[in-house]
């Protein structure tokens, strides 16, 4: 059984900018993935391609210190295969 981490979501360096379920960043998705890995935050799944509400997306999944599942994703432009 996995226990919740004692680190607060507000103070963890990889999660401090997540203020809601939907956050936006202005850097390449690969840089976000690299940052998450550099922080030592385990990626539960991904990157994987999914279909979101607005079309195709590429996502990674991780857990916050309270074990909530967090999805980070980027839209895939319609003209990219």
N, C-alpha and C. Protein backbone atom coordinates (compact mmCIF):
# COMPACT_ATOMS: atom_id res chain seq x y z
N UNK A 1 0.84 -1.18 0.00
CA UNK A 1 0.00 0.00 0.00
C UNK A 1 0.89 1.25 0.00
N UNK A 2 0.54 2.22 -0.83
CA UNK A 2 1.29 3.46 -0.91
C UNK A 2 0.70 4.47 0.06
N UNK A 3 1.58 5.14 0.79
CA UNK A 3 1.12 6.16 1.74
C UNK A 3 1.24 7.54 1.11
N UNK A 4 0.36 8.46 1.51
CA UNK A 4 0.50 9.84 1.01
C UNK A 4 1.83 10.44 1.47
N UNK A 5 2.39 11.25 0.62
CA UNK A 5 3.64 11.94 0.94
C UNK A 5 3.37 13.05 1.95
N UNK A 6 4.33 13.33 2.80
CA UNK A 6 4.15 14.38 3.81
C UNK A 6 4.32 15.78 3.21
N UNK A 7 4.75 15.86 1.96
CA UNK A 7 4.97 17.15 1.31
C UNK A 7 3.63 17.71 0.83
N UNK A 8 3.41 18.98 1.10
CA UNK A 8 2.18 19.64 0.66
C UNK A 8 2.21 19.88 -0.84
N UNK A 9 1.06 19.80 -1.47
CA UNK A 9 0.94 20.10 -2.89
C UNK A 9 1.41 21.53 -3.17
N UNK A 10 1.16 22.43 -2.23
CA UNK A 10 1.53 23.84 -2.42
C UNK A 10 3.02 24.07 -2.32
N UNK A 11 3.76 23.17 -1.67
CA UNK A 11 5.19 23.40 -1.49
C UNK A 11 6.07 22.49 -2.33
N UNK A 12 5.51 21.49 -2.96
CA UNK A 12 6.34 20.61 -3.78
C UNK A 12 6.72 21.34 -5.07
N UNK A 13 8.01 21.37 -5.42
CA UNK A 13 8.45 22.17 -6.56
C UNK A 13 7.82 21.77 -7.89
N UNK A 14 7.43 20.52 -8.06
CA UNK A 14 6.82 20.11 -9.32
C UNK A 14 5.34 20.44 -9.38
N UNK A 15 4.71 20.69 -8.26
CA UNK A 15 3.26 20.90 -8.24
C UNK A 15 2.86 22.29 -7.78
N UNK A 16 3.82 23.13 -7.41
CA UNK A 16 3.47 24.42 -6.81
C UNK A 16 2.69 25.33 -7.75
N UNK A 17 2.81 25.16 -9.05
CA UNK A 17 2.10 26.02 -9.99
C UNK A 17 0.74 25.47 -10.40
N UNK A 18 0.37 24.30 -9.91
CA UNK A 18 -0.94 23.74 -10.24
C UNK A 18 -1.97 24.30 -9.27
N UNK A 19 -2.74 25.27 -9.73
CA UNK A 19 -3.71 25.91 -8.87
C UNK A 19 -5.10 25.34 -9.04
N UNK A 20 -5.32 24.58 -10.07
CA UNK A 20 -6.64 23.99 -10.31
C UNK A 20 -6.45 22.74 -11.14
N UNK A 21 -7.54 22.13 -11.53
CA UNK A 21 -7.46 20.93 -12.35
C UNK A 21 -6.91 21.24 -13.74
N UNK A 22 -7.06 22.48 -14.20
CA UNK A 22 -6.59 22.86 -15.53
C UNK A 22 -5.56 23.98 -15.40
N UNK A 23 -4.32 23.67 -15.68
CA UNK A 23 -3.26 24.66 -15.66
C UNK A 23 -2.64 24.72 -17.05
N UNK A 24 -2.04 25.86 -17.37
CA UNK A 24 -1.43 26.05 -18.68
C UNK A 24 0.03 26.42 -18.49
N UNK A 25 0.88 25.90 -19.34
CA UNK A 25 2.28 26.29 -19.33
C UNK A 25 2.64 26.73 -20.73
N UNK A 26 3.75 27.45 -20.84
CA UNK A 26 4.17 28.01 -22.12
C UNK A 26 5.57 27.54 -22.48
N UNK A 27 5.73 26.22 -22.53
CA UNK A 27 6.98 25.62 -22.93
C UNK A 27 6.66 24.29 -23.59
N UNK A 28 7.61 23.73 -24.34
CA UNK A 28 7.34 22.44 -25.00
C UNK A 28 6.99 21.36 -23.98
N UNK A 29 6.08 20.47 -24.38
CA UNK A 29 5.64 19.39 -23.49
C UNK A 29 6.81 18.52 -23.06
N UNK A 30 7.78 18.32 -23.94
CA UNK A 30 8.97 17.54 -23.58
C UNK A 30 9.72 18.19 -22.42
N UNK A 31 9.73 19.52 -22.38
CA UNK A 31 10.39 20.23 -21.27
C UNK A 31 9.63 20.00 -19.96
N UNK A 32 8.31 19.93 -20.03
CA UNK A 32 7.50 19.65 -18.84
C UNK A 32 7.81 18.24 -18.33
N UNK A 33 7.85 17.28 -19.24
CA UNK A 33 8.17 15.89 -18.87
C UNK A 33 9.57 15.82 -18.25
N UNK A 34 10.53 16.49 -18.86
CA UNK A 34 11.90 16.51 -18.34
C UNK A 34 11.93 17.12 -16.94
N UNK A 35 11.19 18.20 -16.73
CA UNK A 35 11.15 18.85 -15.42
C UNK A 35 10.56 17.93 -14.35
N UNK A 36 9.45 17.27 -14.69
CA UNK A 36 8.82 16.34 -13.74
C UNK A 36 9.80 15.23 -13.35
N UNK A 37 10.48 14.67 -14.35
CA UNK A 37 11.46 13.61 -14.08
C UNK A 37 12.64 14.13 -13.27
N UNK A 38 13.11 15.34 -13.58
CA UNK A 38 14.24 15.93 -12.85
C UNK A 38 13.90 16.16 -11.38
N UNK A 39 12.62 16.41 -11.10
CA UNK A 39 12.18 16.59 -9.71
C UNK A 39 12.06 15.26 -8.98
N UNK A 40 12.23 14.15 -9.73
CA UNK A 40 12.10 12.84 -9.11
C UNK A 40 10.66 12.42 -8.90
N UNK A 41 9.75 13.09 -9.60
CA UNK A 41 8.32 12.78 -9.45
C UNK A 41 7.99 11.63 -10.40
N UNK A 42 7.52 10.48 -9.90
CA UNK A 42 7.26 9.34 -10.78
C UNK A 42 6.07 9.57 -11.70
N UNK A 43 6.27 9.27 -12.97
CA UNK A 43 5.18 9.31 -13.95
C UNK A 43 4.50 7.94 -13.91
N UNK A 44 3.21 7.94 -13.62
CA UNK A 44 2.44 6.71 -13.49
C UNK A 44 2.22 6.07 -14.86
N UNK A 45 1.94 6.90 -15.86
CA UNK A 45 1.70 6.41 -17.22
C UNK A 45 2.03 7.52 -18.20
N UNK A 46 2.57 7.13 -19.35
CA UNK A 46 2.77 8.08 -20.41
C UNK A 46 4.23 8.34 -20.72
N UNK A 47 4.40 9.15 -21.76
CA UNK A 47 3.37 9.84 -22.51
C UNK A 47 2.56 8.88 -23.39
N UNK A 48 1.26 9.12 -23.42
CA UNK A 48 0.33 8.33 -24.22
C UNK A 48 -0.57 9.28 -25.01
N UNK A 49 -1.06 8.81 -26.14
CA UNK A 49 -1.99 9.60 -26.94
C UNK A 49 -3.41 9.21 -26.57
N UNK A 50 -4.25 10.21 -26.39
CA UNK A 50 -5.65 10.02 -26.04
C UNK A 50 -6.50 10.96 -26.88
N UNK A 51 -7.80 10.79 -26.77
CA UNK A 51 -8.73 11.74 -27.37
C UNK A 51 -9.37 12.53 -26.25
N UNK A 52 -9.19 13.84 -26.25
CA UNK A 52 -9.76 14.71 -25.24
C UNK A 52 -11.01 15.40 -25.76
N UNK A 53 -11.53 16.31 -24.98
CA UNK A 53 -12.75 17.02 -25.35
C UNK A 53 -12.58 17.87 -26.61
N UNK A 54 -11.34 18.33 -26.85
CA UNK A 54 -11.10 19.20 -28.00
C UNK A 54 -10.32 18.51 -29.11
N UNK A 55 -10.13 17.19 -29.02
CA UNK A 55 -9.39 16.46 -30.05
C UNK A 55 -8.29 15.63 -29.44
N UNK A 56 -7.29 15.33 -30.28
CA UNK A 56 -6.18 14.48 -29.84
C UNK A 56 -5.28 15.21 -28.85
N UNK A 57 -4.83 14.47 -27.83
CA UNK A 57 -3.90 15.00 -26.84
C UNK A 57 -2.83 13.96 -26.54
N UNK A 58 -1.71 14.44 -26.05
CA UNK A 58 -0.66 13.56 -25.54
C UNK A 58 -0.55 13.86 -24.05
N UNK A 59 -0.61 12.83 -23.21
CA UNK A 59 -0.70 13.02 -21.77
C UNK A 59 0.33 12.21 -21.00
N UNK A 60 0.66 12.73 -19.81
CA UNK A 60 1.35 11.94 -18.80
C UNK A 60 0.48 12.01 -17.54
N UNK A 61 0.61 10.99 -16.71
CA UNK A 61 -0.18 10.92 -15.47
C UNK A 61 0.77 10.74 -14.30
N UNK A 62 0.51 11.47 -13.23
CA UNK A 62 1.27 11.34 -12.00
C UNK A 62 0.33 11.53 -10.82
N UNK A 63 0.81 11.26 -9.63
CA UNK A 63 0.00 11.41 -8.43
C UNK A 63 0.55 12.54 -7.58
N UNK A 64 -0.36 13.34 -7.01
CA UNK A 64 0.07 14.38 -6.09
C UNK A 64 0.31 13.74 -4.72
N UNK A 65 0.80 14.51 -3.74
CA UNK A 65 1.11 13.92 -2.43
C UNK A 65 -0.09 13.27 -1.73
N UNK A 66 -1.31 13.67 -2.10
CA UNK A 66 -2.51 13.04 -1.52
C UNK A 66 -3.00 11.87 -2.35
N UNK A 67 -2.20 11.46 -3.35
CA UNK A 67 -2.48 10.35 -4.25
C UNK A 67 -3.60 10.61 -5.25
N UNK A 68 -3.97 11.88 -5.46
CA UNK A 68 -4.90 12.21 -6.53
C UNK A 68 -4.17 12.06 -7.86
N UNK A 69 -4.86 11.56 -8.88
CA UNK A 69 -4.27 11.38 -10.19
C UNK A 69 -4.29 12.72 -10.93
N UNK A 70 -3.15 13.14 -11.43
CA UNK A 70 -3.00 14.39 -12.16
C UNK A 70 -2.66 14.06 -13.61
N UNK A 71 -3.38 14.66 -14.54
CA UNK A 71 -3.08 14.50 -15.96
C UNK A 71 -2.48 15.80 -16.47
N UNK A 72 -1.32 15.69 -17.10
CA UNK A 72 -0.71 16.81 -17.81
C UNK A 72 -0.75 16.46 -19.28
N UNK A 73 -1.26 17.36 -20.11
CA UNK A 73 -1.40 17.02 -21.52
C UNK A 73 -1.14 18.21 -22.42
N UNK A 74 -0.93 17.90 -23.69
CA UNK A 74 -0.81 18.92 -24.73
C UNK A 74 -1.72 18.52 -25.87
N UNK A 75 -2.27 19.50 -26.54
CA UNK A 75 -3.08 19.22 -27.74
C UNK A 75 -2.15 18.83 -28.89
N UNK A 76 -2.60 17.88 -29.67
CA UNK A 76 -1.88 17.49 -30.88
C UNK A 76 -2.61 18.16 -32.05
N UNK A 77 -1.91 19.00 -32.80
CA UNK A 77 -2.58 19.66 -33.93
C UNK A 77 -3.18 18.64 -34.89
N UNK A 78 -4.32 18.97 -35.52
CA UNK A 78 -5.00 18.00 -36.39
C UNK A 78 -4.18 17.57 -37.59
N UNK A 79 -3.21 18.36 -38.00
CA UNK A 79 -2.42 18.00 -39.19
C UNK A 79 -1.19 17.16 -38.88
N UNK A 80 -1.00 16.75 -37.61
CA UNK A 80 0.15 15.93 -37.21
C UNK A 80 -0.31 14.49 -37.07
N UNK A 81 0.45 13.56 -37.69
CA UNK A 81 0.11 12.13 -37.60
C UNK A 81 0.83 11.47 -36.46
